[in-house]
């Protein structure tokens, strides 16, 4: 009642403290959650308070509480009926807030509810009727995109929203993308769990005064690339090009000592596409060419400088008519698949630490014969997480009787 304005606040007490008190008590005493919901329903029914904002504040508090706790199964039908009645009546000023209550409650049932103390700013915004905020997310290439993020928004919601902007509607394909939290000063990062509440994370980061970026990218590669969406092309292009230029996406077969002329020509073609994709209108000079090729083949390129110059002259005319998006799409179209069935890998893939060094123990084989390979890697946790992510997608594919392609490299030499 103090929060709603029906009772005076204590000396030096803030409205935010009222909300914190309610959340803490209900966290430690789950049996009181039904009592809280019943009290809020009572306070928002035929509210006769002299305080003009009393009723709507009660509804806002109800929406906020619904993002943290669910009620008991016995109370749920009555609570939902109460909320639905208000949400369906366009004559009531609380209609929109009641709809948010329902959404938040369904999210809590599905994901378990908020887990951290909300920030003071979030509580103040809720009190003022600002039930969501524009939160910045970053895409590969430094592209910034904002989405309305509410008390009940989880990581999975953001991934789905960005995927839909890219033209992706397949639920299975959503699982190939992840949201990372990059904190300035931290050396490593892991993808956020799909059921993590975004504002829980933001509140913790802002409390610690961290500089952070929520970054969306593709983390596994089962589905074929789609070149029918400009946003999709931009995201994937800017994600893979840095790795390509570092040479991480090139595979040199053990039996092949020297690079073939066909491969050299193909790499030069990709370099020219990269130049056109960045807006280059003139044929690249020697310095520019060196920045457009994978670092691992610069020696070979220099050894074949005369041949390389000839290829550049021959191929550049094909690049001139292309738009930047078309050039990016052609770059992605050069990708060749490297297939590996993760059905041969069995979870768990364990991370072992010995004398300060991390290893990933990967188990191969079938139910009768298994072999463990220990890999010394800097990012053991990330390696095992990726394998498990591929496994999960493959198992779902097998359940749905659909075929899948597997991880890819830009070009296989």
Protein backbone atom coordinates (compact mmCIF):
# COMPACT_ATOMS: atom_id res chain seq x y z
CA UNK A 1 0.00 0.00 0.00
CA UNK A 2 2.97 2.31 0.56
CA UNK A 3 4.16 1.63 -2.98
CA UNK A 4 0.68 2.37 -4.34
CA UNK A 5 0.52 5.62 -2.37
CA UNK A 6 -2.30 4.54 -0.04
CA UNK A 7 0.02 4.68 2.99
CA UNK A 8 2.75 7.22 3.64
CA UNK A 9 6.34 6.11 3.19
CA UNK A 10 8.47 5.89 6.31
CA UNK A 11 11.07 8.57 6.96
CA UNK A 12 13.78 8.40 4.25
CA UNK A 13 12.06 5.35 2.70
CA UNK A 14 11.94 5.14 -1.10
CA UNK A 15 9.37 3.40 -3.29
CA UNK A 16 12.18 1.22 -4.64
CA UNK A 17 12.77 -0.14 -1.14
CA UNK A 18 9.13 -1.24 -0.93
CA UNK A 19 9.59 -3.34 -4.07
CA UNK A 20 12.89 -4.80 -2.84
CA UNK A 21 11.26 -5.77 0.47
CA UNK A 22 8.42 -7.58 -1.32
CA UNK A 23 10.80 -9.46 -3.64
CA UNK A 24 13.18 -10.51 -0.86
CA UNK A 25 10.39 -11.77 1.41
CA UNK A 26 8.76 -13.76 -1.40
CA UNK A 27 12.13 -15.17 -2.41
CA UNK A 28 12.81 -16.51 1.09
CA UNK A 29 9.20 -17.49 1.85
CA UNK A 30 7.55 -19.04 -1.25
CA UNK A 31 4.36 -19.73 0.70
CA UNK A 32 3.69 -15.96 0.78
CA UNK A 33 3.60 -15.61 -3.01
CA UNK A 34 -0.06 -16.60 -3.23
CA UNK A 35 -0.83 -14.13 -0.45
CA UNK A 36 0.93 -11.39 -2.42
CA UNK A 37 -1.01 -12.15 -5.61
CA UNK A 38 -4.31 -12.24 -3.72
CA UNK A 39 -3.51 -8.91 -2.06
CA UNK A 40 -2.64 -7.31 -5.40
CA UNK A 41 -5.83 -8.61 -7.01
CA UNK A 42 -7.81 -7.22 -4.09
CA UNK A 43 -6.06 -3.83 -4.25
CA UNK A 44 -6.67 -3.51 -8.01
CA UNK A 45 -10.35 -4.50 -7.90
CA UNK A 46 -12.74 -1.53 -7.68
CA UNK A 47 -9.94 0.58 -6.26
CA UNK A 48 -11.47 3.60 -4.47
CA UNK A 49 -8.20 5.18 -3.34
CA UNK A 50 -7.92 8.96 -3.21
CA UNK A 51 -4.46 8.55 -4.73
CA UNK A 52 -5.11 8.77 -8.48
CA UNK A 53 -2.22 6.46 -9.42
CA UNK A 54 -3.01 3.81 -6.79
CA UNK A 55 -4.74 1.31 -9.08
CA UNK A 56 -2.34 1.55 -12.03
CA UNK A 57 0.64 1.30 -9.69
CA UNK A 58 -0.87 -1.86 -8.27
CA UNK A 59 -1.11 -3.26 -11.78
CA UNK A 60 2.49 -2.29 -12.55
CA UNK A 61 3.66 -3.99 -9.38
CA UNK A 62 1.61 -7.05 -10.35
CA UNK A 63 3.35 -7.13 -13.75
CA UNK A 64 6.75 -6.82 -12.10
CA UNK A 65 6.07 -9.55 -9.54
CA UNK A 66 4.84 -11.85 -12.33
CA UNK A 67 8.31 -11.66 -13.90
CA UNK A 68 9.85 -13.08 -10.70
CA UNK A 69 7.43 -15.57 -9.15
CA UNK A 70 4.59 -17.82 -10.19
CA UNK A 71 1.68 -18.62 -7.92
CA UNK A 72 0.57 -22.09 -6.83
CA UNK A 73 -1.23 -24.42 -9.23
CA UNK A 74 -4.43 -24.05 -7.20
CA UNK A 75 -4.44 -20.25 -7.52
CA UNK A 76 -3.25 -20.15 -11.14
CA UNK A 77 -6.68 -20.55 -12.86
CA UNK A 78 -8.17 -17.72 -10.80
CA UNK A 79 -5.18 -15.43 -11.33
CA UNK A 80 -5.17 -16.04 -15.09
CA UNK A 81 -8.92 -15.42 -15.28
CA UNK A 82 -8.49 -12.14 -13.42
CA UNK A 83 -5.68 -11.01 -15.72
CA UNK A 84 -7.44 -12.13 -18.92
CA UNK A 85 -10.63 -10.28 -17.99
CA UNK A 86 -8.70 -7.01 -17.67
CA UNK A 87 -6.53 -7.71 -20.72
CA UNK A 88 -9.55 -8.24 -22.99
CA UNK A 89 -11.45 -5.11 -21.91
CA UNK A 90 -10.34 -2.16 -24.03
CA UNK A 91 -12.33 0.23 -21.82
CA UNK A 92 -9.93 -0.26 -18.92
CA UNK A 93 -6.79 1.86 -18.63
CA UNK A 94 -4.91 -1.12 -17.24
CA UNK A 95 -5.62 -3.30 -20.30
CA UNK A 96 -2.07 -3.09 -21.69
CA UNK A 97 -0.51 -3.64 -18.27
CA UNK A 98 -2.71 -6.69 -17.73
CA UNK A 99 -1.49 -8.09 -21.06
CA UNK A 100 2.09 -7.60 -19.87
CA UNK A 101 1.19 -9.38 -16.61
CA UNK A 102 0.06 -12.42 -18.61
CA UNK A 103 3.18 -12.37 -20.78
CA UNK A 104 5.48 -12.08 -17.76
CA UNK A 105 3.68 -14.85 -15.90
CA UNK A 106 3.91 -17.21 -18.90
CA UNK A 107 7.62 -16.44 -19.20
CA UNK A 108 8.06 -17.22 -15.50
CA UNK A 109 6.26 -20.53 -15.91
CA UNK A 110 8.47 -21.39 -18.90
CA UNK A 111 11.86 -20.10 -17.70
CA UNK A 112 11.57 -20.07 -13.91
CA UNK A 113 11.40 -16.33 -13.24
CA UNK A 114 13.97 -13.61 -12.63
CA UNK A 115 16.88 -14.66 -10.42
CA UNK A 116 18.68 -11.43 -9.49
CA UNK A 117 17.73 -8.22 -7.70
CA UNK A 118 16.57 -5.64 -10.28
CA UNK A 119 18.39 -2.35 -10.64
CA UNK A 120 17.01 0.77 -9.03
CA UNK A 121 16.56 2.29 -12.49
CA UNK A 122 14.42 -0.64 -13.63
CA UNK A 123 12.14 -0.39 -10.59
CA UNK A 124 11.83 3.37 -11.05
CA UNK A 125 10.97 2.94 -14.73
CA UNK A 126 8.29 0.36 -13.88
CA UNK A 127 6.82 2.76 -11.31
CA UNK A 128 6.62 5.47 -13.99
CA UNK A 129 4.92 3.11 -16.43
CA UNK A 130 7.97 2.39 -18.58
CA UNK A 131 7.56 -1.39 -18.69
CA UNK A 132 10.33 -1.96 -21.24
CA UNK A 133 13.54 -0.24 -22.37
CA UNK A 134 15.54 0.04 -25.57
CA UNK A 135 18.54 -2.25 -25.05
CA UNK A 136 21.49 -2.17 -27.45
CA UNK A 137 22.75 -5.39 -29.05
CA UNK A 138 25.72 -5.66 -31.38
CA UNK A 139 26.08 -7.68 -34.58
CA UNK A 140 29.34 -8.72 -36.28
CA UNK A 141 30.93 -5.78 -38.03
CA UNK A 142 30.00 -3.36 -35.25
CA UNK A 143 26.38 -3.03 -36.37
CA UNK A 144 24.21 -1.88 -33.45
CA UNK A 145 20.55 -2.84 -33.20
CA UNK A 146 18.10 -2.04 -30.40
CA UNK A 147 15.14 -4.06 -29.14
CA UNK A 148 12.51 -3.29 -26.54
CA UNK A 149 13.59 -5.41 -23.60
CA UNK A 150 11.19 -5.98 -20.71
CA UNK A 151 11.44 -7.50 -17.24
CA UNK A 152 10.65 -10.94 -18.65
CA UNK A 153 12.81 -10.89 -21.82
CA UNK A 154 15.23 -13.82 -21.99
CA UNK A 155 18.22 -14.43 -24.26
CA UNK A 156 16.18 -16.81 -26.42
CA UNK A 157 13.70 -14.00 -27.19
CA UNK A 158 16.46 -11.71 -28.46
CA UNK A 159 18.02 -14.46 -30.60
CA UNK A 160 14.61 -15.22 -32.10
CA UNK A 161 13.88 -11.53 -32.80
CA UNK A 162 17.19 -10.99 -34.61
CA UNK A 163 16.81 -14.24 -36.56
CA UNK A 164 13.36 -13.18 -37.73
CA UNK A 165 14.81 -9.86 -38.93
CA UNK A 166 17.26 -11.98 -40.94
CA UNK A 167 14.37 -13.89 -42.52
CA UNK A 168 14.81 -17.06 -40.43
CA UNK A 169 11.60 -18.68 -39.19
CA UNK A 170 12.80 -22.23 -38.50
CA UNK A 171 12.96 -22.92 -34.74
CA UNK A 172 15.81 -25.40 -35.26
CA UNK A 173 17.85 -22.79 -37.13
CA UNK A 174 17.44 -20.34 -34.23
CA UNK A 175 19.57 -22.72 -32.14
CA UNK A 176 22.58 -22.09 -34.37
CA UNK A 177 22.88 -18.54 -33.06
CA UNK A 178 24.04 -17.31 -29.67
CA UNK A 179 24.21 -14.13 -27.64
CA UNK A 180 27.53 -13.39 -25.96
CA UNK A 181 28.30 -10.87 -23.25
CA UNK A 182 31.68 -9.26 -23.91
CA UNK A 183 32.95 -7.52 -20.78
CA UNK A 184 35.81 -5.09 -21.29
CA UNK A 185 38.93 -6.49 -19.65
CA UNK A 186 37.78 -10.13 -19.63
CA UNK A 187 39.93 -12.44 -21.75
CA UNK A 188 37.34 -15.15 -22.41
CA UNK A 189 33.60 -15.21 -22.88
CA UNK A 190 30.95 -17.90 -23.21
CA UNK A 191 27.51 -17.70 -24.82
CA UNK A 192 24.69 -16.79 -22.51
CA UNK A 193 22.22 -19.49 -21.55
CA UNK A 194 19.00 -19.30 -23.56
CA UNK A 195 16.88 -19.01 -20.40
CA UNK A 196 18.89 -16.17 -18.87
CA UNK A 197 16.93 -12.98 -18.23
CA UNK A 198 18.58 -10.09 -20.05
CA UNK A 199 17.84 -7.45 -17.41
CA UNK A 200 19.18 -9.75 -14.67
CA UNK A 201 22.49 -9.71 -16.51
CA UNK A 202 22.37 -5.98 -17.25
CA UNK A 203 21.58 -5.14 -13.61
CA UNK A 204 24.59 -7.14 -12.39
CA UNK A 205 26.94 -5.59 -14.95
CA UNK A 206 25.80 -2.05 -14.23
CA UNK A 207 26.03 -2.65 -10.48
CA UNK A 208 29.69 -3.62 -10.98
CA UNK A 209 30.19 -0.66 -13.35
CA UNK A 210 31.34 -2.97 -16.15
CA UNK A 211 31.63 -1.81 -19.75
CA UNK A 212 29.89 -4.54 -21.70
CA UNK A 213 28.51 -5.46 -25.12
CA UNK A 214 25.77 -7.97 -25.88
CA UNK A 215 26.94 -9.54 -29.13
CA UNK A 216 24.88 -11.75 -31.44
CA UNK A 217 26.59 -14.22 -33.79
CA UNK A 218 26.32 -17.64 -35.35
CA UNK A 219 27.99 -20.30 -33.21
CA UNK A 220 27.30 -23.58 -35.04
CA UNK A 221 26.99 -24.30 -38.76
CA UNK A 222 24.49 -26.99 -39.68
CA UNK A 223 22.08 -25.13 -41.94
CA UNK A 224 23.07 -23.93 -45.39
CA UNK A 225 23.83 -20.25 -45.83
CA UNK A 226 20.89 -18.19 -47.05
CA UNK A 227 21.69 -15.38 -49.44
CA UNK A 228 18.19 -13.91 -49.73
CA UNK A 229 18.50 -11.46 -46.81
CA UNK A 230 20.80 -8.44 -46.83
CA UNK A 231 20.98 -8.40 -43.02
CA UNK A 232 21.84 -12.12 -42.94
CA UNK A 233 24.58 -11.61 -45.53
CA UNK A 234 26.05 -8.68 -43.57
CA UNK A 235 26.06 -10.57 -40.26
CA UNK A 236 27.65 -13.77 -41.56
CA UNK A 237 30.10 -11.91 -43.82
CA UNK A 238 31.44 -9.71 -41.03
CA UNK A 239 31.63 -12.68 -38.68
CA UNK A 240 33.72 -14.98 -40.88
CA UNK A 241 35.97 -12.53 -42.75
CA UNK A 242 38.31 -11.82 -39.78
CA UNK A 243 38.86 -15.57 -39.26
CA UNK A 244 39.34 -16.05 -42.99
CA UNK A 245 42.01 -13.33 -43.16
CA UNK A 246 43.81 -14.86 -40.18
CA UNK A 247 43.98 -18.12 -42.16
CA UNK A 248 41.83 -20.09 -39.71
CA UNK A 249 39.44 -21.26 -42.44
CA UNK A 250 42.04 -22.72 -44.80
CA UNK A 251 42.87 -26.41 -44.73
CA UNK A 252 46.00 -27.69 -46.50
CA UNK A 253 45.82 -31.46 -47.18
CA UNK A 254 48.89 -33.33 -45.93
CA UNK A 255 49.55 -34.83 -49.37
CA UNK A 256 49.62 -31.42 -51.09
CA UNK A 257 53.02 -29.71 -50.77
CA UNK A 258 52.37 -26.63 -52.91
CA UNK A 259 49.25 -24.59 -53.51
CA UNK A 260 47.71 -25.22 -56.93
CA UNK A 261 47.25 -22.41 -59.43
CA UNK A 262 43.49 -23.01 -59.30
CA UNK A 263 43.49 -22.41 -55.55
CA UNK A 264 45.63 -19.28 -55.87
CA UNK A 265 43.25 -17.90 -58.49
CA UNK A 266 40.27 -18.64 -56.23
CA UNK A 267 41.89 -16.87 -53.27
CA UNK A 268 42.63 -13.84 -55.44
CA UNK A 269 39.01 -13.85 -56.61
CA UNK A 270 37.85 -13.81 -52.97
CA UNK A 271 40.30 -10.97 -52.24
CA UNK A 272 38.83 -8.90 -55.06
CA UNK A 273 35.31 -9.64 -53.83
CA UNK A 274 36.34 -8.46 -50.36
CA UNK A 275 37.72 -5.26 -51.89
CA UNK A 276 34.46 -4.67 -53.79
CA UNK A 277 32.42 -5.55 -50.70
CA UNK A 278 34.19 -2.78 -48.77
CA UNK A 279 33.22 -0.26 -51.47
CA UNK A 280 36.44 -0.34 -53.49
CA UNK A 281 35.85 1.04 -56.99
CA UNK A 282 39.37 0.79 -58.40
CA UNK A 283 41.58 -2.24 -58.83
CA UNK A 284 43.43 -2.82 -55.53
CA UNK A 285 47.12 -1.97 -55.35
CA UNK A 286 49.80 -4.30 -54.01
CA UNK A 287 49.50 -3.12 -50.39
CA UNK A 288 45.71 -3.49 -50.46
CA UNK A 289 45.98 -6.99 -51.93
CA UNK A 290 48.21 -8.13 -49.07
CA UNK A 291 45.52 -7.04 -46.59
CA UNK A 292 42.82 -8.95 -48.49
CA UNK A 293 44.52 -12.36 -48.45
CA UNK A 294 44.81 -14.88 -45.60
CA UNK A 295 48.05 -14.34 -43.68
CA UNK A 296 49.00 -17.99 -44.13
CA UNK A 297 49.31 -17.72 -47.93
CA UNK A 298 51.11 -14.38 -48.28
CA UNK A 299 54.43 -16.15 -48.91
CA UNK A 300 52.93 -18.22 -51.73
CA UNK A 301 51.30 -15.09 -53.18
CA UNK A 302 54.62 -13.22 -53.25
CA UNK A 303 56.40 -16.20 -54.81
CA UNK A 304 53.87 -16.10 -57.66
CA UNK A 305 53.69 -12.31 -58.00
CA UNK A 306 53.68 -12.24 -61.82
CA UNK A 307 50.95 -14.85 -62.06
CA UNK A 308 49.01 -13.11 -59.28
CA UNK A 309 49.09 -9.75 -61.07
CA UNK A 310 47.78 -11.43 -64.22
CA UNK A 311 44.89 -13.02 -62.29
CA UNK A 312 44.01 -9.68 -60.68
CA UNK A 313 43.79 -7.94 -64.06
CA UNK A 314 41.69 -10.74 -65.56
CA UNK A 315 39.26 -11.01 -62.66
CA UNK A 316 38.68 -7.36 -61.72
CA UNK A 317 36.35 -6.64 -64.66
CA UNK A 318 33.90 -9.19 -63.22
CA UNK A 319 33.81 -7.27 -59.93
CA UNK A 320 32.96 -3.80 -61.24
CA UNK A 321 29.18 -4.38 -61.82
CA UNK A 322 28.66 -5.91 -58.36
CA UNK A 323 27.03 -4.04 -55.49
CA UNK A 324 28.65 -4.38 -52.08
CA UNK A 325 25.92 -6.80 -50.99
CA UNK A 326 26.34 -8.91 -54.14
CA UNK A 327 30.10 -9.04 -53.54
CA UNK A 328 29.56 -10.18 -49.94
CA UNK A 329 27.08 -12.82 -51.11
CA UNK A 330 29.55 -14.16 -53.67
CA UNK A 331 32.23 -14.35 -50.97
CA UNK A 332 29.92 -16.46 -48.84
CA UNK A 333 29.00 -18.53 -51.87
CA UNK A 334 32.61 -19.69 -52.15
CA UNK A 335 32.19 -21.64 -48.94
CA UNK A 336 32.73 -25.40 -49.20
CA UNK A 337 31.46 -27.84 -46.62
CA UNK A 338 33.60 -29.93 -44.30
CA UNK A 339 31.32 -32.62 -42.92
CA UNK A 340 31.74 -34.48 -39.68
CA UNK A 341 29.04 -36.51 -37.99
CA UNK A 342 28.85 -35.68 -34.31
CA UNK A 343 26.88 -38.89 -33.76
CA UNK A 344 30.33 -40.42 -33.23
CA UNK A 345 30.92 -38.09 -30.28
CA UNK A 346 29.35 -38.95 -26.96
CA UNK A 347 28.63 -36.53 -24.14
CA UNK A 348 29.94 -35.73 -21.68
CA UNK A 349 32.95 -34.01 -23.19
CA UNK A 350 34.82 -33.20 -20.02
CA UNK A 351 37.20 -30.33 -19.28
CA UNK A 352 40.25 -31.35 -17.25
CA UNK A 353 42.75 -29.00 -15.61
CA UNK A 354 46.26 -30.31 -14.93
CA UNK A 355 49.10 -28.13 -13.64
CA UNK A 356 47.41 -24.95 -14.87
CA UNK A 357 46.69 -26.30 -18.37
CA UNK A 358 43.18 -27.08 -19.65
CA UNK A 359 42.35 -30.16 -21.70
CA UNK A 360 39.16 -31.29 -23.40
CA UNK A 361 38.44 -35.02 -23.09
CA UNK A 362 36.34 -35.94 -26.15
CA UNK A 363 34.79 -39.41 -26.23
CA UNK A 364 34.43 -41.08 -29.66
CA UNK A 365 32.88 -44.36 -30.72
CA UNK A 366 29.63 -46.21 -30.11
CA UNK A 367 28.01 -47.89 -27.12
CA UNK A 368 30.34 -50.92 -27.31
CA UNK A 369 33.69 -49.39 -28.24
CA UNK A 370 34.70 -45.94 -27.08
CA UNK A 371 37.93 -43.98 -27.22
CA UNK A 372 38.83 -40.81 -25.35
CA UNK A 373 41.02 -38.22 -27.03
CA UNK A 374 42.55 -35.55 -24.79
CA UNK A 375 43.00 -32.20 -26.53
CA UNK A 376 45.17 -29.45 -25.09
CA UNK A 377 43.35 -26.25 -26.01
CA UNK A 378 43.12 -22.73 -24.63
CA UNK A 379 39.34 -22.68 -24.94
CA UNK A 380 38.46 -26.16 -23.65
CA UNK A 381 35.11 -25.08 -22.20
CA UNK A 382 34.10 -23.49 -25.49
CA UNK A 383 35.15 -26.57 -27.50
CA UNK A 384 33.11 -28.93 -25.34
CA UNK A 385 30.14 -26.56 -25.33
CA UNK A 386 30.16 -26.39 -29.14
CA UNK A 387 30.31 -30.17 -29.48
CA UNK A 388 27.34 -30.51 -27.14
CA UNK A 389 25.46 -27.87 -29.12
CA UNK A 390 26.07 -29.77 -32.36
CA UNK A 391 25.01 -33.00 -30.66
CA UNK A 392 21.76 -31.48 -29.45
CA UNK A 393 20.88 -30.17 -32.91
CA UNK A 394 21.78 -33.48 -34.53
CA UNK A 395 19.67 -35.49 -32.08
CA UNK A 396 16.69 -33.25 -32.76
CA UNK A 397 17.27 -33.68 -36.48
CA UNK A 398 17.30 -37.46 -36.10
CA UNK A 399 14.09 -37.29 -34.08
CA UNK A 400 12.44 -35.23 -36.83
CA UNK A 401 13.90 -37.49 -39.58
CA UNK A 402 15.59 -34.57 -41.35
CA UNK A 403 19.04 -34.54 -42.91
CA UNK A 404 21.72 -32.09 -41.77
CA UNK A 405 24.91 -30.67 -43.18
CA UNK A 406 27.83 -30.11 -40.85
CA UNK A 407 30.45 -27.48 -39.98
CA UNK A 408 32.04 -25.54 -42.78
CA UNK A 409 35.25 -23.76 -43.70
CA UNK A 410 35.48 -20.90 -46.17
CA UNK A 411 37.55 -22.82 -48.70
CA UNK A 412 39.30 -26.16 -48.52
CA UNK A 413 42.74 -26.12 -50.17
